[in-house]
Amino acid sequence: MSIRIVTDSTCDLPAEVIDRYGIRVVPLYINLGDRGYLDGVEITRVEFYNNLPTYKVQPTTAAPPPEKYQAVYETLAGQGATEILSIHISQALSAVVDTARLAAQEFKSIPVTVFDSQQLSLGTGFLVETAARLAQAGHSMSEILSALNDQIGRSYVFAALDTLKFLRRSGRLNGIASGLGSLLQLKPIMKMYAGKPDAERVRTRKRAMQRVVDLLREKGPLERVAIVHTHAPIYVEELRQQAAHLLPAGEILSMDITPVIGAHIGPGAAGFAVITEKKP
């Protein structure tokens, strides 16, 4: 039995993790005007975030067509995979899961299970890594899915956003934005848990950063923590300092959030992706 893992470019996993486990990543599209770019392939994160405030037209994003997933599934089947687990960004935020399910239904070579991570960024990425590690160790599909469902209940992503402007422009996140009021100077705190996006609002950036640290404290004890941000190294360092007493020993991963998500939340966002410890 050989189970292979497929995901999409919103997972934000480091390249070395993707390579270590042979994870296949299907890139989403970032549309700038009338030109589309493959996320992580044809446009870099640094380039995107440096230019985001000056784009004349709001960038849009799109899921790949089913044929893109089917091509990846076919390649893995040809490499000897007997099953495929395809893990993707929350259905509440993107059409990716629906598209992958359509591709899986039409793919007949080997069984494909499509799994809604109910998360975004490294909230999804940590689930993908867990699945790949268990698959490599020879666990069955049912064992992997059981572990993922347990991890979903312990996975949280929350971040302070620098502005409401990009949320207001986002079709996917209009519901969140509408609940935050009309004052653009407010600093939103975006939260994601179990497939349910939510948000808070505070008056200043300082309070927003403190609230993110408070949320980290509330989630403890923690099994795993990473900093996620939209190309905001100054805020990343600020979070490291403010949350130093809460972070586990050792290196704390820090990842730029994919432009596919950054297009909707804007530059200057910073927060955490965490997995809480299992309760005894």
Protein backbone atom coordinates (compact mmCIF):
# COMPACT_ATOMS: atom_id res chain seq x y z
CA MET A 1 0.00 0.00 0.00
CA SER A 2 1.31 3.44 -0.97
CA ILE A 3 -0.68 6.52 0.01
CA ARG A 4 0.45 9.82 -1.54
CA ILE A 5 -0.52 13.28 -0.35
CA VAL A 6 -1.70 16.15 -2.56
CA THR A 7 -2.41 19.70 -1.41
CA ASP A 8 -2.65 23.21 -2.82
CA SER A 9 -0.36 26.22 -2.65
CA THR A 10 -2.22 27.81 0.27
CA CYS A 11 -0.70 25.28 2.70
CA ASP A 12 2.44 27.44 3.22
CA LEU A 13 4.68 24.47 4.07
CA PRO A 14 8.43 25.00 3.66
CA ALA A 15 9.96 23.47 0.53
CA GLU A 16 12.10 21.08 2.59
CA VAL A 17 8.99 19.51 4.17
CA ILE A 18 7.30 19.15 0.78
CA ASP A 19 10.43 17.50 -0.63
CA ARG A 20 10.98 15.25 2.39
CA TYR A 21 7.59 13.60 2.08
CA GLY A 22 7.07 13.81 -1.67
CA ILE A 23 3.97 15.99 -1.24
CA ARG A 24 2.47 17.23 -4.51
CA VAL A 25 1.31 20.86 -4.49
CA VAL A 26 -1.24 22.15 -7.01
CA PRO A 27 -0.78 25.93 -7.43
CA LEU A 28 -3.76 28.28 -7.36
CA TYR A 29 -4.00 31.31 -9.63
CA ILE A 30 -3.36 34.95 -8.77
CA ASN A 31 -4.91 37.31 -11.31
CA LEU A 32 -3.43 40.77 -11.77
CA GLY A 33 -5.58 42.61 -14.26
CA ASP A 34 -5.94 40.40 -17.32
CA ARG A 35 -2.93 38.23 -16.52
CA GLY A 36 -2.95 35.11 -14.35
CA TYR A 37 0.04 33.78 -12.40
CA LEU A 38 0.60 30.36 -10.85
CA ASP A 39 0.99 30.87 -7.10
CA GLY A 40 4.52 30.10 -5.97
CA VAL A 41 5.64 29.34 -9.52
CA GLU A 42 5.32 32.48 -11.64
CA ILE A 43 5.26 35.14 -8.93
CA THR A 44 7.24 35.30 -5.69
CA ARG A 45 5.80 36.28 -2.33
CA VAL A 46 8.28 39.10 -1.89
CA GLU A 47 7.42 40.53 -5.32
CA PHE A 48 3.69 40.27 -4.69
CA TYR A 49 3.68 41.93 -1.26
CA ASN A 50 6.06 44.67 -2.29
CA ASN A 51 3.68 45.61 -5.11
CA LEU A 52 0.33 44.87 -3.45
CA PRO A 53 -0.34 48.39 -2.08
CA THR A 54 0.23 49.93 -5.52
CA TYR A 55 -1.72 47.57 -7.77
CA LYS A 56 -4.31 49.65 -9.64
CA VAL A 57 -6.74 46.73 -9.71
CA GLN A 58 -7.47 44.50 -6.75
CA PRO A 59 -5.78 41.10 -7.31
CA THR A 60 -8.19 38.19 -7.54
CA THR A 61 -7.62 34.48 -7.00
CA ALA A 62 -8.97 31.31 -8.57
CA ALA A 63 -8.87 27.57 -8.08
CA PRO A 64 -7.32 25.43 -10.82
CA PRO A 65 -9.72 23.44 -13.03
CA PRO A 66 -10.37 19.76 -12.22
CA GLU A 67 -8.00 18.71 -14.99
CA LYS A 68 -5.03 20.07 -13.04
CA TYR A 69 -5.81 17.81 -10.09
CA GLN A 70 -6.49 14.84 -12.32
CA ALA A 71 -3.09 15.26 -13.98
CA VAL A 72 -1.38 15.16 -10.59
CA TYR A 73 -3.43 12.16 -9.49
CA GLU A 74 -2.54 10.34 -12.72
CA THR A 75 1.16 11.05 -12.24
CA LEU A 76 1.10 9.65 -8.71
CA ALA A 77 -0.80 6.56 -9.84
CA GLY A 78 1.88 6.03 -12.49
CA GLN A 79 4.52 6.27 -9.77
CA GLY A 80 2.91 3.39 -7.88
CA ALA A 81 0.50 5.10 -5.50
CA THR A 82 -2.40 2.87 -4.50
CA GLU A 83 -4.41 5.66 -2.83
CA ILE A 84 -4.31 9.45 -2.78
CA LEU A 85 -5.31 11.84 0.00
CA SER A 86 -5.96 15.35 -1.33
CA ILE A 87 -6.03 17.96 1.50
CA HIS A 88 -7.10 21.53 0.83
CA ILE A 89 -7.92 24.97 2.23
CA SER A 90 -11.24 25.30 4.05
CA GLN A 91 -14.34 25.11 1.89
CA ALA A 92 -15.56 28.22 3.75
CA LEU A 93 -12.79 30.23 2.09
CA SER A 94 -12.28 28.71 -1.34
CA ALA A 95 -13.78 26.54 -4.07
CA VAL A 96 -10.67 24.34 -4.13
CA VAL A 97 -12.25 21.46 -2.18
CA ASP A 98 -15.26 21.35 -4.51
CA THR A 99 -13.01 21.37 -7.57
CA ALA A 100 -10.78 18.63 -6.18
CA ARG A 101 -13.84 16.51 -5.34
CA LEU A 102 -15.11 16.85 -8.89
CA ALA A 103 -11.70 15.75 -10.17
CA ALA A 104 -11.64 12.79 -7.76
CA GLN A 105 -15.11 11.64 -8.81
CA GLU A 106 -14.03 11.50 -12.43
CA PHE A 107 -10.66 9.87 -11.71
CA LYS A 108 -10.89 6.07 -11.93
CA SER A 109 -7.29 4.80 -11.79
CA ILE A 110 -6.99 4.61 -7.98
CA PRO A 111 -9.11 5.82 -5.03
CA VAL A 112 -8.79 9.52 -4.18
CA THR A 113 -10.04 10.92 -0.87
CA VAL A 114 -10.54 14.69 -0.78
CA PHE A 115 -10.28 16.22 2.69
CA ASP A 116 -11.41 19.68 3.81
CA SER A 117 -8.73 20.92 6.21
CA GLN A 118 -11.20 23.45 7.67
CA GLN A 119 -8.15 25.70 7.96
CA LEU A 120 -5.87 28.00 6.00
CA SER A 121 -2.13 28.65 5.69
CA LEU A 122 -0.10 26.51 8.10
CA GLY A 123 -3.29 25.38 9.79
CA THR A 124 -3.74 23.38 6.59
CA GLY A 125 0.00 22.82 6.21
CA PHE A 126 0.41 21.12 9.57
CA LEU A 127 -2.42 18.73 8.66
CA VAL A 128 -0.75 17.97 5.34
CA GLU A 129 2.56 17.30 7.09
CA THR A 130 0.88 14.98 9.62
CA ALA A 131 -0.83 13.04 6.83
CA ALA A 132 2.40 12.72 4.85
CA ARG A 133 4.38 11.57 7.88
CA LEU A 134 1.79 8.93 8.77
CA ALA A 135 1.52 7.75 5.15
CA GLN A 136 5.27 7.40 4.94
CA ALA A 137 5.18 5.32 8.14
CA GLY A 138 2.69 2.94 6.54
CA HIS A 139 -0.54 3.93 8.26
CA SER A 140 -3.86 3.19 6.59
CA MET A 141 -6.17 5.83 5.13
CA SER A 142 -8.64 5.41 8.01
CA GLU A 143 -5.86 5.87 10.57
CA ILE A 144 -4.62 9.00 8.82
CA LEU A 145 -8.12 10.51 8.58
CA SER A 146 -8.73 9.81 12.26
CA ALA A 147 -5.53 11.64 13.19
CA LEU A 148 -6.44 14.58 10.96
CA ASN A 149 -9.91 14.94 12.43
CA ASP A 150 -8.41 14.97 15.91
CA GLN A 151 -5.86 17.61 14.87
CA ILE A 152 -8.54 19.85 13.31
CA GLY A 153 -10.13 20.17 16.74
CA ARG A 154 -6.80 21.40 18.13
CA SER A 155 -5.80 23.71 15.26
CA TYR A 156 -6.13 27.51 15.32
CA VAL A 157 -4.90 30.35 13.12
CA PHE A 158 -5.23 33.97 14.21
CA ALA A 159 -3.55 37.14 13.03
CA ALA A 160 -3.66 40.91 13.38
CA LEU A 161 -4.39 42.61 10.07
CA ASP A 162 -3.02 46.04 9.28
CA THR A 163 -6.12 47.33 7.50
CA LEU A 164 -9.73 46.54 6.68
CA LYS A 165 -9.29 47.75 3.10
CA PHE A 166 -8.43 44.40 1.54
CA LEU A 167 -11.10 42.51 3.49
CA ARG A 168 -13.67 44.97 2.17
CA ARG A 169 -12.63 44.24 -1.41
CA SER A 170 -12.67 40.48 -0.93
CA GLY A 171 -15.70 38.57 -2.16
CA ARG A 172 -14.86 35.54 -0.04
CA LEU A 173 -14.51 37.50 3.21
CA ASN A 174 -17.26 40.08 2.85
CA GLY A 175 -19.24 38.43 5.64
CA ILE A 176 -16.39 38.90 8.08
CA ALA A 177 -15.74 42.46 6.96
CA SER A 178 -19.37 43.48 7.30
CA GLY A 179 -19.32 42.51 10.96
CA LEU A 180 -16.35 44.70 11.73
CA GLY A 181 -17.95 48.08 11.20
CA SER A 182 -17.15 50.78 8.71
CA LEU A 183 -14.09 52.50 10.16
CA LEU A 184 -11.09 51.61 8.05
CA GLN A 185 -8.70 52.65 10.81
CA LEU A 186 -9.83 49.69 12.94
CA LYS A 187 -7.34 46.84 13.25
CA PRO A 188 -9.06 43.50 12.65
CA ILE A 189 -8.05 40.23 14.27
CA MET A 190 -8.91 37.40 11.89
CA LYS A 191 -9.42 33.93 13.38
CA MET A 192 -9.96 30.49 11.87
CA TYR A 193 -11.09 27.37 13.72
CA ALA A 194 -12.86 24.20 12.51
CA GLY A 195 -13.96 25.70 9.20
CA LYS A 196 -15.42 28.85 10.77
CA PRO A 197 -13.74 32.18 9.96
CA ASP A 198 -14.31 34.88 12.56
CA ALA A 199 -12.95 38.30 13.46
CA GLU A 200 -12.54 40.81 16.27
CA ARG A 201 -11.65 44.47 16.08
CA VAL A 202 -9.45 46.75 18.15
CA ARG A 203 -8.53 50.41 17.84
CA THR A 204 -4.74 50.36 17.47
CA ARG A 205 -1.98 48.17 16.07
CA LYS A 206 -0.43 47.89 19.53
CA ARG A 207 -3.66 46.50 20.95
CA ALA A 208 -4.03 44.16 17.99
CA MET A 209 -0.59 42.66 18.55
CA GLN A 210 -1.29 42.28 22.26
CA ARG A 211 -4.59 40.57 21.51
CA VAL A 212 -2.80 38.06 19.26
CA VAL A 213 -0.41 37.26 22.13
CA ASP A 214 -3.37 36.94 24.50
CA LEU A 215 -5.01 34.46 22.11
CA LEU A 216 -1.80 32.44 22.04
CA ARG A 217 -1.81 32.32 25.85
CA GLU A 218 -5.45 31.23 25.91
CA LYS A 219 -4.76 28.29 23.59
CA GLY A 220 -1.96 26.81 25.68
CA PRO A 221 -0.48 24.37 26.39
CA LEU A 222 0.76 24.07 22.83
CA GLU A 223 2.04 21.13 20.83
CA ARG A 224 3.23 23.24 17.91
CA VAL A 225 3.48 26.94 17.03
CA ALA A 226 4.47 28.87 13.90
CA ILE A 227 4.35 32.55 13.03
CA VAL A 228 2.44 33.40 9.85
CA HIS A 229 2.57 36.81 8.19
CA THR A 230 2.12 38.69 4.93
CA HIS A 231 5.71 39.78 4.43
CA ALA A 232 5.88 41.65 7.75
CA PRO A 233 9.31 40.96 9.31
CA ILE A 234 9.06 43.87 11.76
CA TYR A 235 5.80 42.53 13.19
CA VAL A 236 7.19 38.99 13.25
CA GLU A 237 10.04 40.14 15.49
CA GLU A 238 7.60 42.06 17.67
CA LEU A 239 5.51 38.91 18.15
CA ARG A 240 8.63 36.86 18.95
CA GLN A 241 9.55 39.28 21.70
CA GLN A 242 6.08 39.73 23.17
CA ALA A 243 5.29 36.00 23.11
CA ALA A 244 8.75 34.68 24.04
CA HIS A 245 7.51 33.35 27.40
CA LEU A 246 4.73 31.40 25.65
CA LEU A 247 6.70 29.85 22.80
CA PRO A 248 8.13 26.32 23.10
CA ALA A 249 11.90 25.85 23.12
CA GLY A 250 13.69 25.52 19.81
CA GLU A 251 13.29 27.17 16.42
CA ILE A 252 9.87 28.67 15.68
CA LEU A 253 8.93 28.45 12.03
CA SER A 254 8.01 31.76 10.39
CA MET A 255 6.30 31.70 6.99
CA ASP A 256 5.06 34.29 4.53
CA ILE A 257 1.38 33.58 3.86
CA THR A 258 0.67 32.72 0.23
CA PRO A 259 -0.40 35.68 -1.95
CA VAL A 260 -3.62 33.77 -2.66
CA ILE A 261 -4.63 34.56 0.93
CA GLY A 262 -2.64 37.80 1.15
CA ALA A 263 -4.65 39.31 -1.68
CA HIS A 264 -7.68 39.19 0.63
CA ILE A 265 -6.10 40.26 3.94
CA GLY A 266 -3.42 42.68 2.73
CA PRO A 267 0.21 43.30 3.70
CA GLY A 268 1.35 43.73 7.29
CA ALA A 269 -0.67 40.86 8.79
CA ALA A 270 1.03 38.79 11.49
CA GLY A 271 -0.09 36.05 13.85
CA PHE A 272 0.16 32.40 14.76
CA ALA A 273 -0.79 28.95 13.55
CA VAL A 274 -0.97 26.59 16.51
CA ILE A 275 -1.82 23.04 17.50
CA THR A 276 -2.81 22.61 21.11
CA GLU A 277 -1.68 19.63 23.16
CA LYS A 278 -3.97 16.65 23.46
CA LYS A 279 -5.93 16.56 26.68
CA PRO A 280 -5.10 13.61 28.97
